[in-house]
Protein backbone atom coordinates (compact mmCIF):
# COMPACT_ATOMS: atom_id res chain seq x y z
CA MET A 1 0.00 0.00 0.00
CA GLU A 2 1.30 3.42 -0.95
CA PRO A 3 2.11 5.80 1.92
CA LEU A 4 -0.10 8.82 2.47
CA ARG A 5 1.12 12.16 1.20
CA PRO A 6 -0.33 15.64 0.73
CA ALA A 7 -2.46 16.08 -2.36
CA GLU A 8 -0.18 18.94 -3.42
CA THR A 9 2.47 16.36 -4.34
CA VAL A 10 0.27 14.83 -7.06
CA ILE A 11 -2.38 17.39 -7.92
CA ALA A 12 -0.61 18.69 -11.06
CA ASP A 13 -0.19 15.14 -12.40
CA ALA A 14 -3.79 14.33 -11.47
CA ARG A 15 -5.03 17.37 -13.40
CA ARG A 16 -2.91 16.41 -16.41
CA ILE A 17 -4.28 12.85 -16.36
CA ALA A 18 -7.84 14.19 -16.10
CA ALA A 19 -7.21 16.44 -19.11
CA GLU A 20 -5.75 13.56 -21.14
CA VAL A 21 -8.65 11.24 -20.32
CA GLY A 22 -11.08 14.07 -21.02
CA ALA A 23 -9.57 14.68 -24.46
CA ARG A 24 -9.82 10.99 -25.29
CA LEU A 25 -13.44 10.72 -24.16
CA ALA A 26 -14.51 13.97 -25.87
CA ALA A 27 -14.21 12.33 -29.27
CA LEU A 28 -15.88 9.08 -28.23
CA LEU A 29 -18.83 9.89 -26.00
CA PRO A 30 -21.98 11.99 -26.23
CA ALA A 31 -22.23 15.08 -24.04
CA HIS A 32 -20.66 14.42 -20.64
CA GLU A 33 -18.75 16.01 -17.80
CA LEU A 34 -15.46 14.62 -16.48
CA THR A 35 -14.41 15.87 -13.05
CA LEU A 36 -11.28 15.26 -10.99
CA THR A 37 -12.42 14.15 -7.51
CA GLY A 38 -10.93 12.28 -4.59
CA GLY A 39 -8.09 13.14 -2.28
CA SER A 40 -5.76 14.00 -5.14
CA SER A 41 -8.07 16.85 -6.14
CA VAL A 42 -8.28 18.71 -2.83
CA PRO A 43 -5.37 20.81 -1.55
CA GLY A 44 -4.72 19.80 2.04
CA ALA A 45 -6.14 16.30 1.63
CA LEU A 46 -4.14 13.17 2.22
CA THR A 47 -3.84 10.77 -0.71
CA ARG A 48 -2.10 7.57 -1.67
CA GLY A 49 -1.40 9.19 -5.03
CA ASP A 50 -4.28 7.69 -6.96
CA VAL A 51 -6.50 9.71 -9.29
CA ASP A 52 -10.29 9.55 -9.10
CA LEU A 53 -12.35 10.77 -12.04
CA HIS A 54 -16.13 11.19 -12.07
CA LEU A 55 -17.81 10.91 -15.46
CA THR A 56 -21.37 12.21 -15.54
CA VAL A 57 -23.61 11.49 -18.50
CA ALA A 58 -27.26 12.02 -19.36
CA PRO A 59 -29.39 9.22 -17.88
CA ALA A 60 -30.40 8.12 -21.39
CA ASP A 61 -26.70 7.77 -22.32
CA PHE A 62 -25.56 5.82 -19.26
CA ALA A 63 -25.86 2.27 -20.68
CA ALA A 64 -24.21 3.18 -24.00
CA THR A 65 -21.42 5.01 -22.16
CA VAL A 66 -20.73 2.00 -19.95
CA THR A 67 -20.60 -0.22 -23.04
CA ALA A 68 -18.17 2.18 -24.75
CA LEU A 69 -15.94 2.36 -21.66
CA ARG A 70 -15.79 -1.45 -21.43
CA ALA A 71 -14.01 -1.35 -24.79
CA LEU A 72 -11.50 1.24 -23.55
CA TYR A 73 -10.82 0.43 -19.92
CA ARG A 74 -10.68 -2.46 -17.48
CA VAL A 75 -13.74 -3.00 -15.27
CA VAL A 76 -12.96 -2.67 -11.55
CA HIS A 77 -15.07 -3.37 -8.49
CA PRO A 78 -17.96 -4.97 -10.37
CA GLU A 79 -19.34 -5.95 -6.95
CA ILE A 80 -20.27 -2.29 -6.31
CA TRP A 81 -21.83 -1.64 -9.72
CA GLN A 82 -25.45 -0.53 -9.66
CA ASP A 83 -27.97 0.82 -12.14
CA THR A 84 -26.41 4.26 -11.62
CA LEU A 85 -22.73 3.41 -11.05
CA ALA A 86 -19.98 1.71 -13.04
CA THR A 87 -16.24 1.81 -12.34
CA PHE A 88 -13.18 1.40 -14.55
CA ALA A 89 -9.38 1.56 -14.30
CA VAL A 90 -7.38 3.78 -16.65
CA ASP A 91 -3.77 3.08 -17.60
CA ALA A 92 -1.96 6.27 -16.60
CA GLN A 93 1.18 7.53 -14.85
CA LEU A 94 -0.67 7.26 -11.52
CA PRO A 95 -3.30 4.66 -10.57
CA THR A 96 -6.47 6.13 -12.06
CA GLY A 97 -10.12 5.17 -11.85
CA ILE A 98 -13.30 6.46 -13.43
CA ALA A 99 -16.70 6.25 -11.74
CA VAL A 100 -19.55 6.75 -14.23
CA THR A 101 -22.93 8.04 -13.08
CA PRO A 102 -26.07 9.38 -14.74
CA ALA A 103 -26.58 13.09 -14.06
CA GLY A 104 -28.88 13.71 -11.13
CA SER A 105 -28.60 10.19 -9.74
CA GLU A 106 -27.88 9.40 -6.11
CA HIS A 107 -24.30 8.46 -6.97
CA ASP A 108 -23.80 11.63 -9.00
CA HIS A 109 -25.01 13.70 -6.05
CA ARG A 110 -22.84 11.73 -3.61
CA PHE A 111 -19.63 12.27 -5.58
CA ARG A 112 -20.27 15.94 -6.25
CA ARG A 113 -21.61 17.00 -2.86
CA ALA A 114 -19.11 15.16 -0.67
CA TRP A 115 -16.08 16.64 -2.42
CA GLU A 116 -17.67 20.12 -2.51
CA LEU A 117 -18.10 19.92 1.26
CA LEU A 118 -14.56 18.68 1.84
CA ARG A 119 -13.17 21.55 -0.27
CA ALA A 120 -15.27 24.10 1.61
CA ASP A 121 -14.90 22.97 5.23
CA PRO A 122 -11.42 22.62 6.80
CA ALA A 123 -12.87 20.76 9.80
CA LEU A 124 -14.47 18.14 7.56
CA LEU A 125 -11.24 17.83 5.59
CA ALA A 126 -9.32 17.29 8.84
CA GLU A 127 -11.83 14.60 9.82
CA TYR A 128 -11.40 12.94 6.42
CA ASN A 129 -7.60 13.04 6.75
CA ALA A 130 -7.74 11.52 10.25
CA MET A 131 -9.99 8.74 8.98
CA LYS A 132 -7.72 8.12 6.00
CA ALA A 133 -4.63 8.00 8.25
CA GLY A 134 -6.33 5.52 10.60
CA SER A 135 -6.32 1.74 10.47
CA ALA A 136 -6.66 0.09 7.07
CA ALA A 137 -9.00 -2.47 8.63
CA GLY A 138 -12.56 -1.35 7.97
CA TYR A 139 -11.45 1.79 6.11
CA GLU A 140 -13.84 1.35 3.16
CA GLU A 141 -16.81 0.93 5.51
CA ARG A 142 -15.80 3.98 7.57
CA LYS A 143 -15.28 6.02 4.42
CA SER A 144 -18.68 5.03 3.05
CA ALA A 145 -20.39 5.96 6.34
CA PHE A 146 -18.50 9.28 6.42
CA PHE A 147 -19.58 10.17 2.87
CA THR A 148 -23.17 9.14 3.62
CA ARG A 149 -23.16 11.44 6.64
CA LEU A 150 -21.72 14.29 4.55
CA VAL A 151 -24.29 14.13 1.79
CA SER A 152 -27.18 13.54 4.20
CA GLY A 153 -26.29 16.47 6.44
CA PRO A 154 -27.29 20.13 6.26
CA GLY A 155 -24.12 21.29 4.50
CA PRO A 156 -20.84 22.93 5.46
CA ARG A 157 -20.43 23.71 9.13
CA ALA A 158 -19.73 27.34 8.38
CA ALA A 159 -23.23 27.64 6.88
CA ARG A 160 -24.96 26.09 9.89
CA PRO A 161 -26.57 28.41 12.43
CA PRO A 162 -24.84 28.52 15.81
CA GLY A 163 -26.13 26.38 18.65
């Protein structure tokens, strides 16, 4: 397992990889949005140096997009696939994955909102970093619960009324 390091050590490479993948997909897919997410996208976050990309497509284009990506990339984590989520690995300088979601779906909201909150709230980012630096045992379950709490909550702490 790669050691944790500050996102600032990989963010330029992560942005370059996102741009390269975006250029490749622009010619192959219908209208879509490709976003750099994950720890490697947030200054101050801890990362293992992997790159997470979120590909959002129109709901009507989701199935065709997944089929097209199967021809380009290796399927990963098929056990987590759902009607609104598919995941792939991209060959790149850093370990890179793409999560595909239909726009407006629960998974689309989860990816977008959680990372928006982490970028906006230093206390949440510190909590994320502490969780990431904790024990590897049960990490995925803790991370999932953390993200569920983020997207189910009222928003950034700074926007909450006192008391």
